Every structure is written in C-alpha cells, then in structure tokens.
Amino acid sequence: MIKSELVQRIAAANPHLYHRDVERIVNVIFDEIVDALSRGDRVELRGFGAFTVKHRAARQGRNPRTGSTVSVAEKFVPFFKTGKELRDRLNHKETGKTQH
C-alpha cells in the first residue's frame, strides 16, 4: 500500500472528513515519526510496532560490477520491529486460520 491508498482508505472510512484533511493528518503523523527518528528517539505504535534508528559504521564494501573495493561512509538507517499484535494478526493466531 502506498501513502495515497492509505489516505483514500481512511477518507472512505470517515466520510465526514474532507480528503485534504485526511491527507494533511497522514502527512503530519509521518512527519512527526521522521522528526522523532532524526532526533534519535524511538517511536512505538502499540500493537503495530516500533521504529528505531540503527548506526552502521563505516566499512569497506565491494562494487559488484567491477569487484573493486569502495569506502562506505557511516550512516544511520531506520529499523522497524513489529509488535506482537501485528505478528499475531498476520499469522491469524487469534482465529487459527492459515494465511493465503
């Protein structure tokens, strides 16, 4: 699902809200998550999961096309860990059904 599909589904489920307001709400939520991660904070959405930032140290990598060694700079990457409720719903543990 892409962001525009998310906005459409939320707008369809809430006909009393204008589409532009739903889009603004979704953008504000995503912006807040990005801002928190850029500060090094952890973002937890209960039942869904947690976003954190992991540090990747500088290292020597390899160009797969030429095989030559290249330096890869240190960087920070977002990391997502699913919550128990999301994992259980994906695996249909509450109903005993198998996934399609």
PDB file of N, CA and C in Angstrom:
ATOM      1  N   MET A   1       0.850  -1.174   0.000  1.00  0.00           N
ATOM      2  CA  MET A   1       0.000   0.000   0.000  1.00  0.00           C
ATOM      3  C   MET A   1       0.889   1.228   0.000  1.00  0.00           C
ATOM      4  N   ILE A   2       0.532   2.190  -0.818  1.00  0.00           N
ATOM      5  CA  ILE A   2       1.270   3.443  -0.845  1.00  0.00           C
ATOM      6  C   ILE A   2       0.469   4.501  -0.091  1.00  0.00           C
ATOM      7  N   LYS A   3       1.121   5.628   0.180  1.00  0.00           N
ATOM      8  CA  LYS A   3       0.515   6.650   1.025  1.00  0.00           C
ATOM      9  C   LYS A   3      -0.825   7.138   0.474  1.00  0.00           C
ATOM     10  N   SER A   4      -0.924   7.321  -0.840  1.00  0.00           N
ATOM     11  CA  SER A   4      -2.186   7.811  -1.409  1.00  0.00           C
ATOM     12  C   SER A   4      -3.313   6.798  -1.209  1.00  0.00           C
ATOM     13  N   GLU A   5      -2.994   5.504  -1.257  1.00  0.00           N
ATOM     14  CA  GLU A   5      -4.005   4.479  -0.994  1.00  0.00           C
ATOM     15  C   GLU A   5      -4.440   4.506   0.465  1.00  0.00           C
ATOM     16  N   LEU A   6      -3.500   4.726   1.367  1.00  0.00           N
ATOM     17  CA  LEU A   6      -3.823   4.846   2.783  1.00  0.00           C
ATOM     18  C   LEU A   6      -4.770   6.018   3.009  1.00  0.00           C
ATOM     19  N   VAL A   7      -4.460   7.150   2.402  1.00  0.00           N
ATOM     20  CA  VAL A   7      -5.308   8.343   2.540  1.00  0.00           C
ATOM     21  C   VAL A   7      -6.706   8.047   2.001  1.00  0.00           C
ATOM     22  N   GLN A   8      -6.799   7.404   0.849  1.00  0.00           N
ATOM     23  CA  GLN A   8      -8.108   7.076   0.266  1.00  0.00           C
ATOM     24  C   GLN A   8      -8.910   6.148   1.164  1.00  0.00           C
ATOM     25  N   ARG A   9      -8.274   5.147   1.730  1.00  0.00           N
ATOM     26  CA  ARG A   9      -8.996   4.216   2.616  1.00  0.00           C
ATOM     27  C   ARG A   9      -9.493   4.898   3.876  1.00  0.00           C
ATOM     28  N   ILE A  10      -8.651   5.750   4.455  1.00  0.00           N
ATOM     29  CA  ILE A  10      -9.076   6.471   5.665  1.00  0.00           C
ATOM     30  C   ILE A  10     -10.211   7.428   5.330  1.00  0.00           C
ATOM     31  N   ALA A  11     -10.114   8.134   4.194  1.00  0.00           N
ATOM     32  CA  ALA A  11     -11.165   9.065   3.789  1.00  0.00           C
ATOM     33  C   ALA A  11     -12.471   8.313   3.523  1.00  0.00           C
ATOM     34  N   ALA A  12     -12.396   7.129   2.904  1.00  0.00           N
ATOM     35  CA  ALA A  12     -13.602   6.342   2.625  1.00  0.00           C
ATOM     36  C   ALA A  12     -14.253   5.839   3.913  1.00  0.00           C
ATOM     37  N   ALA A  13     -13.432   5.499   4.898  1.00  0.00           N
ATOM     38  CA  ALA A  13     -13.955   5.009   6.178  1.00  0.00           C
ATOM     39  C   ALA A  13     -14.487   6.133   7.055  1.00  0.00           C
ATOM     40  N   ASN A  14     -14.121   7.375   6.730  1.00  0.00           N
ATOM     41  CA  ASN A  14     -14.548   8.543   7.508  1.00  0.00           C
ATOM     42  C   ASN A  14     -15.119   9.599   6.573  1.00  0.00           C
ATOM     43  N   PRO A  15     -16.330   9.375   6.034  1.00  0.00           N
ATOM     44  CA  PRO A  15     -16.887  10.297   5.038  1.00  0.00           C
ATOM     45  C   PRO A  15     -17.152  11.703   5.574  1.00  0.00           C
ATOM     46  N   HIS A  16     -17.163  11.862   6.899  1.00  0.00           N
ATOM     47  CA  HIS A  16     -17.375  13.186   7.476  1.00  0.00           C
ATOM     48  C   HIS A  16     -16.119  14.063   7.401  1.00  0.00           C
ATOM     49  N   LEU A  17     -14.984  13.478   7.013  1.00  0.00           N
ATOM     50  CA  LEU A  17     -13.739  14.241   6.879  1.00  0.00           C
ATOM     51  C   LEU A  17     -13.460  14.535   5.411  1.00  0.00           C
ATOM     52  N   TYR A  18     -12.939  15.729   5.158  1.00  0.00           N
ATOM     53  CA  TYR A  18     -12.526  16.083   3.797  1.00  0.00           C
ATOM     54  C   TYR A  18     -11.261  15.311   3.441  1.00  0.00           C
ATOM     55  N   HIS A  19     -11.128  14.966   2.174  1.00  0.00           N
ATOM     56  CA  HIS A  19      -9.961  14.230   1.694  1.00  0.00           C
ATOM     57  C   HIS A  19      -8.673  15.005   1.996  1.00  0.00           C
ATOM     58  N   ARG A  20      -8.689  16.313   1.793  1.00  0.00           N
ATOM     59  CA  ARG A  20      -7.491  17.125   2.034  1.00  0.00           C
ATOM     60  C   ARG A  20      -7.101  17.124   3.515  1.00  0.00           C
ATOM     61  N   ASP A  21      -8.102  17.041   4.404  1.00  0.00           N
ATOM     62  CA  ASP A  21      -7.798  16.990   5.840  1.00  0.00           C
ATOM     63  C   ASP A  21      -7.185  15.646   6.217  1.00  0.00           C
ATOM     64  N   VAL A  22      -7.696  14.569   5.632  1.00  0.00           N
ATOM     65  CA  VAL A  22      -7.125  13.241   5.895  1.00  0.00           C
ATOM     66  C   VAL A  22      -5.680  13.201   5.408  1.00  0.00           C
ATOM     67  N   GLU A  23      -5.440  13.756   4.218  1.00  0.00           N
ATOM     68  CA  GLU A  23      -4.082  13.789   3.673  1.00  0.00           C
ATOM     69  C   GLU A  23      -3.153  14.583   4.579  1.00  0.00           C
ATOM     70  N   ARG A  24      -3.628  15.701   5.091  1.00  0.00           N
ATOM     71  CA  ARG A  24      -2.824  16.529   5.995  1.00  0.00           C
ATOM     72  C   ARG A  24      -2.520  15.777   7.292  1.00  0.00           C
ATOM     73  N   ILE A  25      -3.509  15.060   7.828  1.00  0.00           N
ATOM     74  CA  ILE A  25      -3.314  14.297   9.062  1.00  0.00           C
ATOM     75  C   ILE A  25      -2.254  13.215   8.857  1.00  0.00           C
ATOM     76  N   VAL A  26      -2.360  12.464   7.765  1.00  0.00           N
ATOM     77  CA  VAL A  26      -1.390  11.406   7.478  1.00  0.00           C
ATOM     78  C   VAL A  26       0.011  12.002   7.324  1.00  0.00           C
ATOM     79  N   ASN A  27       0.124  13.121   6.608  1.00  0.00           N
ATOM     80  CA  ASN A  27       1.429  13.771   6.432  1.00  0.00           C
ATOM     81  C   ASN A  27       2.010  14.231   7.758  1.00  0.00           C
ATOM     82  N   VAL A  28       1.181  14.793   8.638  1.00  0.00           N
ATOM     83  CA  VAL A  28       1.664  15.260   9.940  1.00  0.00           C
ATOM     84  C   VAL A  28       2.173  14.077  10.769  1.00  0.00           C
ATOM     85  N   ILE A  29       1.448  12.966  10.750  1.00  0.00           N
ATOM     86  CA  ILE A  29       1.881  11.784  11.509  1.00  0.00           C
ATOM     87  C   ILE A  29       3.221  11.280  10.990  1.00  0.00           C
ATOM     88  N   PHE A  30       3.350  11.151   9.663  1.00  0.00           N
ATOM     89  CA  PHE A  30       4.615  10.687   9.091  1.00  0.00           C
ATOM     90  C   PHE A  30       5.746  11.668   9.384  1.00  0.00           C
ATOM     91  N   ASP A  31       5.467  12.967   9.285  1.00  0.00           N
ATOM     92  CA  ASP A  31       6.492  13.973   9.583  1.00  0.00           C
ATOM     93  C   ASP A  31       6.953  13.887  11.032  1.00  0.00           C
ATOM     94  N   GLU A  32       6.028  13.652  11.942  1.00  0.00           N
ATOM     95  CA  GLU A  32       6.391  13.527  13.357  1.00  0.00           C
ATOM     96  C   GLU A  32       7.254  12.293  13.604  1.00  0.00           C
ATOM     97  N   ILE A  33       6.940  11.195  12.926  1.00  0.00           N
ATOM     98  CA  ILE A  33       7.760   9.985  13.060  1.00  0.00           C
ATOM     99  C   ILE A  33       9.170  10.254  12.544  1.00  0.00           C
ATOM    100  N   VAL A  34       9.276  10.899  11.387  1.00  0.00           N
ATOM    101  CA  VAL A  34      10.589  11.218  10.810  1.00  0.00           C
ATOM    102  C   VAL A  34      11.362  12.163  11.729  1.00  0.00           C
ATOM    103  N   ASP A  35      10.695  13.186  12.255  1.00  0.00           N
ATOM    104  CA  ASP A  35      11.362  14.138  13.153  1.00  0.00           C
ATOM    105  C   ASP A  35      11.880  13.442  14.411  1.00  0.00           C
ATOM    106  N   ALA A  36      11.065  12.553  14.990  1.00  0.00           N
ATOM    107  CA  ALA A  36      11.482  11.842  16.198  1.00  0.00           C
ATOM    108  C   ALA A  36      12.686  10.951  15.901  1.00  0.00           C
ATOM    109  N   LEU A  37      12.655  10.238  14.772  1.00  0.00           N
ATOM    110  CA  LEU A  37      13.780   9.375  14.421  1.00  0.00           C
ATOM    111  C   LEU A  37      15.042  10.187  14.162  1.00  0.00           C
ATOM    112  N   SER A  38      14.895  11.353  13.542  1.00  0.00           N
ATOM    113  CA  SER A  38      16.075  12.181  13.265  1.00  0.00           C
ATOM    114  C   SER A  38      16.693  12.723  14.549  1.00  0.00           C
ATOM    115  N   ARG A  39      15.910  12.827  15.620  1.00  0.00           N
ATOM    116  CA  ARG A  39      16.437  13.235  16.930  1.00  0.00           C
ATOM    117  C   ARG A  39      17.029  12.053  17.686  1.00  0.00           C
ATOM    118  N   GLY A  40      16.860  10.846  17.140  1.00  0.00           N
ATOM    119  CA  GLY A  40      17.367   9.657  17.814  1.00  0.00           C
ATOM    120  C   GLY A  40      16.356   9.023  18.743  1.00  0.00           C
ATOM    121  N   ASP A  41      15.112   9.507  18.717  1.00  0.00           N
ATOM    122  CA  ASP A  41      14.072   8.947  19.575  1.00  0.00           C
ATOM    123  C   ASP A  41      13.522   7.652  18.988  1.00  0.00           C
ATOM    124  N   ARG A  42      12.868   6.885  19.829  1.00  0.00           N
ATOM    125  CA  ARG A  42      12.188   5.655  19.424  1.00  0.00           C
ATOM    126  C   ARG A  42      10.715   5.982  19.288  1.00  0.00           C
ATOM    127  N   VAL A  43      10.064   5.470  18.245  1.00  0.00           N
ATOM    128  CA  VAL A  43       8.633   5.700  18.043  1.00  0.00           C
ATOM    129  C   VAL A  43       7.927   4.361  18.147  1.00  0.00           C
ATOM    130  N   GLU A  44       7.039   4.240  19.134  1.00  0.00           N
ATOM    131  CA  GLU A  44       6.311   2.987  19.332  1.00  0.00           C
ATOM    132  C   GLU A  44       4.830   3.221  19.105  1.00  0.00           C
ATOM    133  N   LEU A  45       4.247   2.403  18.238  1.00  0.00           N
ATOM    134  CA  LEU A  45       2.813   2.419  17.995  1.00  0.00           C
ATOM    135  C   LEU A  45       2.284   1.107  18.549  1.00  0.00           C
ATOM    136  N   ARG A  46       1.660   1.156  19.715  1.00  0.00           N
ATOM    137  CA  ARG A  46       1.234  -0.048  20.422  1.00  0.00           C
ATOM    138  C   ARG A  46       0.404  -0.952  19.522  1.00  0.00           C
ATOM    139  N   GLY A  47       0.740  -2.234  19.525  1.00  0.00           N
ATOM    140  CA  GLY A  47       0.035  -3.213  18.727  1.00  0.00           C
ATOM    141  C   GLY A  47       0.511  -3.266  17.282  1.00  0.00           C
ATOM    142  N   PHE A  48       1.278  -2.264  16.850  1.00  0.00           N
ATOM    143  CA  PHE A  48       1.761  -2.218  15.472  1.00  0.00           C
ATOM    144  C   PHE A  48       3.245  -2.511  15.403  1.00  0.00           C
ATOM    145  N   GLY A  49       4.026  -1.726  16.133  1.00  0.00           N
ATOM    146  CA  GLY A  49       5.470  -1.942  16.141  1.00  0.00           C
ATOM    147  C   GLY A  49       6.219  -0.712  16.593  1.00  0.00           C
ATOM    148  N   ALA A  50       7.531  -0.787  16.486  1.00  0.00           N
ATOM    149  CA  ALA A  50       8.398   0.297  16.944  1.00  0.00           C
ATOM    150  C   ALA A  50       9.429   0.624  15.877  1.00  0.00           C
ATOM    151  N   PHE A  51       9.640   1.915  15.679  1.00  0.00           N
ATOM    152  CA  PHE A  51      10.661   2.421  14.768  1.00  0.00           C
ATOM    153  C   PHE A  51      11.832   2.902  15.601  1.00  0.00           C
ATOM    154  N   THR A  52      13.029   2.498  15.209  1.00  0.00           N
ATOM    155  CA  THR A  52      14.246   2.985  15.848  1.00  0.00           C
ATOM    156  C   THR A  52      15.255   3.311  14.753  1.00  0.00           C
ATOM    157  N   VAL A  53      16.365   3.893  15.176  1.00  0.00           N
ATOM    158  CA  VAL A  53      17.446   4.204  14.242  1.00  0.00           C
ATOM    159  C   VAL A  53      18.659   3.393  14.652  1.00  0.00           C
ATOM    160  N   LYS A  54      19.272   2.719  13.693  1.00  0.00           N
ATOM    161  CA  LYS A  54      20.482   1.952  13.955  1.00  0.00           C
ATOM    162  C   LYS A  54      21.664   2.604  13.250  1.00  0.00           C
ATOM    163  N   HIS A  55      22.794   2.576  13.924  1.00  0.00           N
ATOM    164  CA  HIS A  55      24.027   3.145  13.377  1.00  0.00           C
ATOM    165  C   HIS A  55      24.777   2.066  12.606  1.00  0.00           C
ATOM    166  N   ARG A  56      25.184   2.377  11.413  1.00  0.00           N
ATOM    167  CA  ARG A  56      26.015   1.488  10.606  1.00  0.00           C
ATOM    168  C   ARG A  56      27.391   2.145  10.491  1.00  0.00           C
ATOM    169  N   ALA A  57      28.398   1.489  10.990  1.00  0.00           N
ATOM    170  CA  ALA A  57      29.755   2.032  10.973  1.00  0.00           C
ATOM    171  C   ALA A  57      30.305   2.080   9.541  1.00  0.00           C
ATOM    172  N   ALA A  58      31.284   2.928   9.342  1.00  0.00           N
ATOM    173  CA  ALA A  58      31.961   2.995   8.044  1.00  0.00           C
ATOM    174  C   ALA A  58      32.648   1.649   7.800  1.00  0.00           C
ATOM    175  N   ARG A  59      32.708   1.264   6.528  1.00  0.00           N
ATOM    176  CA  ARG A  59      33.294  -0.032   6.204  1.00  0.00           C
ATOM    177  C   ARG A  59      33.812  -0.029   4.776  1.00  0.00           C
ATOM    178  N   GLN A  60      34.524  -1.078   4.463  1.00  0.00           N
ATOM    179  CA  GLN A  60      34.979  -1.278   3.088  1.00  0.00           C
ATOM    180  C   GLN A  60      33.981  -2.203   2.405  1.00  0.00           C
ATOM    181  N   GLY A  61      33.444  -1.756   1.270  1.00  0.00           N
ATOM    182  CA  GLY A  61      32.498  -2.556   0.503  1.00  0.00           C
ATOM    183  C   GLY A  61      33.103  -2.925  -0.831  1.00  0.00           C
ATOM    184  N   ARG A  62      32.317  -3.577  -1.642  1.00  0.00           N
ATOM    185  CA  ARG A  62      32.777  -4.004  -2.952  1.00  0.00           C
ATOM    186  C   ARG A  62      31.780  -3.574  -4.007  1.00  0.00           C
ATOM    187  N   ASN A  63      32.296  -3.029  -5.099  1.00  0.00           N
ATOM    188  CA  ASN A  63      31.453  -2.702  -6.242  1.00  0.00           C
ATOM    189  C   ASN A  63      31.123  -4.025  -6.929  1.00  0.00           C
ATOM    190  N   PRO A  64      29.834  -4.411  -6.971  1.00  0.00           N
ATOM    191  CA  PRO A  64      29.504  -5.721  -7.536  1.00  0.00           C
ATOM    192  C   PRO A  64      29.785  -5.823  -9.039  1.00  0.00           C
ATOM    193  N   ARG A  65      29.813  -4.706  -9.717  1.00  0.00           N
ATOM    194  CA  ARG A  65      30.035  -4.724 -11.164  1.00  0.00           C
ATOM    195  C   ARG A  65      31.516  -4.923 -11.502  1.00  0.00           C
ATOM    196  N   THR A  66      32.385  -4.206 -10.760  1.00  0.00           N
ATOM    197  CA  THR A  66      33.807  -4.264 -11.090  1.00  0.00           C
ATOM    198  C   THR A  66      34.618  -5.108 -10.114  1.00  0.00           C
ATOM    199  N   GLY A  67      34.072  -5.324  -8.908  1.00  0.00           N
ATOM    200  CA  GLY A  67      34.803  -6.078  -7.896  1.00  0.00           C
ATOM    201  C   GLY A  67      35.794  -5.230  -7.122  1.00  0.00           C
ATOM    202  N   SER A  68      35.905  -3.944  -7.453  1.00  0.00           N
ATOM    203  CA  SER A  68      36.863  -3.081  -6.755  1.00  0.00           C
ATOM    204  C   SER A  68      36.328  -2.701  -5.379  1.00  0.00           C
ATOM    205  N   THR A  69      37.262  -2.393  -4.480  1.00  0.00           N
ATOM    206  CA  THR A  69      36.916  -2.005  -3.118  1.00  0.00           C
ATOM    207  C   THR A  69      36.499  -0.538  -3.097  1.00  0.00           C
ATOM    208  N   VAL A  70      35.422  -0.258  -2.358  1.00  0.00           N
ATOM    209  CA  VAL A  70      34.952   1.123  -2.198  1.00  0.00           C
ATOM    210  C   VAL A  70      34.706   1.379  -0.719  1.00  0.00           C
ATOM    211  N   SER A  71      34.901   2.625  -0.314  1.00  0.00           N
ATOM    212  CA  SER A  71      34.625   3.011   1.067  1.00  0.00           C
ATOM    213  C   SER A  71      33.148   3.356   1.197  1.00  0.00           C
ATOM    214  N   VAL A  72      32.521   2.796   2.216  1.00  0.00           N
ATOM    215  CA  VAL A  72      31.127   3.104   2.507  1.00  0.00           C
ATOM    216  C   VAL A  72      31.130   3.913   3.796  1.00  0.00           C
ATOM    217  N   ALA A  73      30.591   5.116   3.732  1.00  0.00           N
ATOM    218  CA  ALA A  73      30.583   6.015   4.888  1.00  0.00           C
ATOM    219  C   ALA A  73      29.639   5.497   5.969  1.00  0.00           C
ATOM    220  N   GLU A  74      29.874   5.952   7.207  1.00  0.00           N
ATOM    221  CA  GLU A  74      28.949   5.586   8.273  1.00  0.00           C
ATOM    222  C   GLU A  74      27.595   6.212   7.986  1.00  0.00           C
ATOM    223  N   LYS A  75      26.542   5.573   8.487  1.00  0.00           N
ATOM    224  CA  LYS A  75      25.207   6.107   8.256  1.00  0.00           C
ATOM    225  C   LYS A  75      24.254   5.603   9.317  1.00  0.00           C
ATOM    226  N   PHE A  76      23.128   6.255   9.398  1.00  0.00           N
ATOM    227  CA  PHE A  76      22.054   5.863  10.298  1.00  0.00           C
ATOM    228  C   PHE A  76      20.900   5.377   9.433  1.00  0.00           C
ATOM    229  N   VAL A  77      20.334   4.228   9.788  1.00  0.00           N
ATOM    230  CA  VAL A  77      19.255   3.649   8.989  1.00  0.00           C
ATOM    231  C   VAL A  77      18.050   3.387   9.887  1.00  0.00           C
ATOM    232  N   PRO A  78      16.834   3.592   9.347  1.00  0.00           N
ATOM    233  CA  PRO A  78      15.636   3.292  10.140  1.00  0.00           C
ATOM    234  C   PRO A  78      15.459   1.784  10.263  1.00  0.00           C
ATOM    235  N   PHE A  79      14.932   1.359  11.394  1.00  0.00           N
ATOM    236  CA  PHE A  79      14.695  -0.057  11.660  1.00  0.00           C
ATOM    237  C   PHE A  79      13.302  -0.189  12.246  1.00  0.00           C
ATOM    238  N   PHE A  80      12.547  -1.183  11.790  1.00  0.00           N
ATOM    239  CA  PHE A  80      11.192  -1.413  12.277  1.00  0.00           C
ATOM    240  C   PHE A  80      11.087  -2.804  12.872  1.00  0.00           C
ATOM    241  N   LYS A  81      10.536  -2.881  14.060  1.00  0.00           N
ATOM    242  CA  LYS A  81      10.287  -4.174  14.695  1.00  0.00           C
ATOM    243  C   LYS A  81       8.787  -4.287  14.926  1.00  0.00           C
ATOM    244  N   THR A  82       8.178  -5.341  14.376  1.00  0.00           N
ATOM    245  CA  THR A  82       6.739  -5.499  14.504  1.00  0.00           C
ATOM    246  C   THR A  82       6.337  -5.776  15.947  1.00  0.00           C
ATOM    247  N   GLY A  83       5.128  -5.340  16.276  1.00  0.00           N
ATOM    248  CA  GLY A  83       4.568  -5.617  17.586  1.00  0.00           C
ATOM    249  C   GLY A  83       3.922  -6.993  17.603  1.00  0.00           C
ATOM    250  N   LYS A  84       3.700  -7.511  18.802  1.00  0.00           N
ATOM    251  CA  LYS A  84       3.125  -8.848  18.952  1.00  0.00           C
ATOM    252  C   LYS A  84       1.743  -8.945  18.322  1.00  0.00           C
ATOM    253  N   GLU A  85       0.906  -7.939  18.522  1.00  0.00           N
ATOM    254  CA  GLU A  85      -0.450  -7.981  17.968  1.00  0.00           C
ATOM    255  C   GLU A  85      -0.430  -8.028  16.438  1.00  0.00           C
ATOM    256  N   LEU A  86       0.452  -7.268  15.817  1.00  0.00           N
ATOM    257  CA  LEU A  86       0.559  -7.286  14.355  1.00  0.00           C
ATOM    258  C   LEU A  86       1.035  -8.654  13.869  1.00  0.00           C
ATOM    259  N   ARG A  87       2.053  -9.198  14.508  1.00  0.00           N
ATOM    260  CA  ARG A  87       2.535 -10.533  14.121  1.00  0.00           C
ATOM    261  C   ARG A  87       1.435 -11.575  14.266  1.00  0.00           C
ATOM    262  N   ASP A  88       0.695 -11.509  15.368  1.00  0.00           N
ATOM    263  CA  ASP A  88      -0.386 -12.472  15.584  1.00  0.00           C
ATOM    264  C   ASP A  88      -1.483 -12.324  14.527  1.00  0.00           C
ATOM    265  N   ARG A  89      -1.820 -11.091  14.173  1.00  0.00           N
ATOM    266  CA  ARG A  89      -2.855 -10.886  13.153  1.00  0.00           C
ATOM    267  C   ARG A  89      -2.380 -11.354  11.787  1.00  0.00           C
ATOM    268  N   LEU A  90      -1.109 -11.141  11.465  1.00  0.00           N
ATOM    269  CA  LEU A  90      -0.580 -11.612  10.188  1.00  0.00           C
ATOM    270  C   LEU A  90      -0.574 -13.130  10.107  1.00  0.00           C
ATOM    271  N   ASN A  91      -0.371 -13.762  11.228  1.00  0.00           N
ATOM    272  CA  ASN A  91      -0.313 -15.219  11.267  1.00  0.00           C
ATOM    273  C   ASN A  91      -1.635 -15.846  11.705  1.00  0.00           C
ATOM    274  N   HIS A  92      -2.666 -15.042  11.849  1.00  0.00           N
ATOM    275  CA  HIS A  92      -4.023 -15.485  12.191  1.00  0.00           C
ATOM    276  C   HIS A  92      -4.057 -16.340  13.451  1.00  0.00           C
ATOM    277  N   LYS A  93      -3.285 -15.962  14.449  1.00  0.00           N
ATOM    278  CA  LYS A  93      -3.238 -16.776  15.673  1.00  0.00           C
ATOM    279  C   LYS A  93      -4.533 -16.701  16.473  1.00  0.00           C
ATOM    280  N   GLU A  94      -5.278 -15.563  16.390  1.00  0.00           N
ATOM    281  CA  GLU A  94      -6.470 -15.452  17.201  1.00  0.00           C
ATOM    282  C   GLU A  94      -7.617 -16.299  16.653  1.00  0.00           C
ATOM    283  N   THR A  95      -7.585 -16.663  15.353  1.00  0.00           N
ATOM    284  CA  THR A  95      -8.680 -17.447  14.784  1.00  0.00           C
ATOM    285  C   THR A  95      -8.242 -18.843  14.369  1.00  0.00           C
ATOM    286  N   GLY A  96      -6.963 -19.114  14.370  1.00  0.00           N
ATOM    287  CA  GLY A  96      -6.469 -20.415  13.965  1.00  0.00           C
ATOM    288  C   GLY A  96      -6.451 -20.638  12.463  1.00  0.00           C
ATOM    289  N   LYS A  97      -6.733 -19.605  11.668  1.00  0.00           N
ATOM    290  CA  LYS A  97      -6.724 -19.723  10.207  1.00  0.00           C
ATOM    291  C   LYS A  97      -5.292 -19.680   9.699  1.00  0.00           C
ATOM    292  N   THR A  98      -5.091 -20.233   8.528  1.00  0.00           N
ATOM    293  CA  THR A  98      -3.779 -20.139   7.893  1.00  0.00           C
ATOM    294  C   THR A  98      -3.796 -19.004   6.904  1.00  0.00           C
ATOM    295  N   GLN A  99      -2.637 -18.460   6.657  1.00  0.00           N
ATOM    296  CA  GLN A  99      -2.509 -17.335   5.724  1.00  0.00           C
ATOM    297  C   GLN A  99      -2.614 -17.826   4.300  1.00  0.00           C
ATOM    298  N   HIS A 100      -3.219 -17.014   3.415  1.00  0.00           N
ATOM    299  CA  HIS A 100      -3.420 -17.359   1.994  1.00  0.00           C
ATOM    300  C   HIS A 100      -2.132 -17.307   1.236  1.00  0.00           C
TER     301      HIS A 100
END
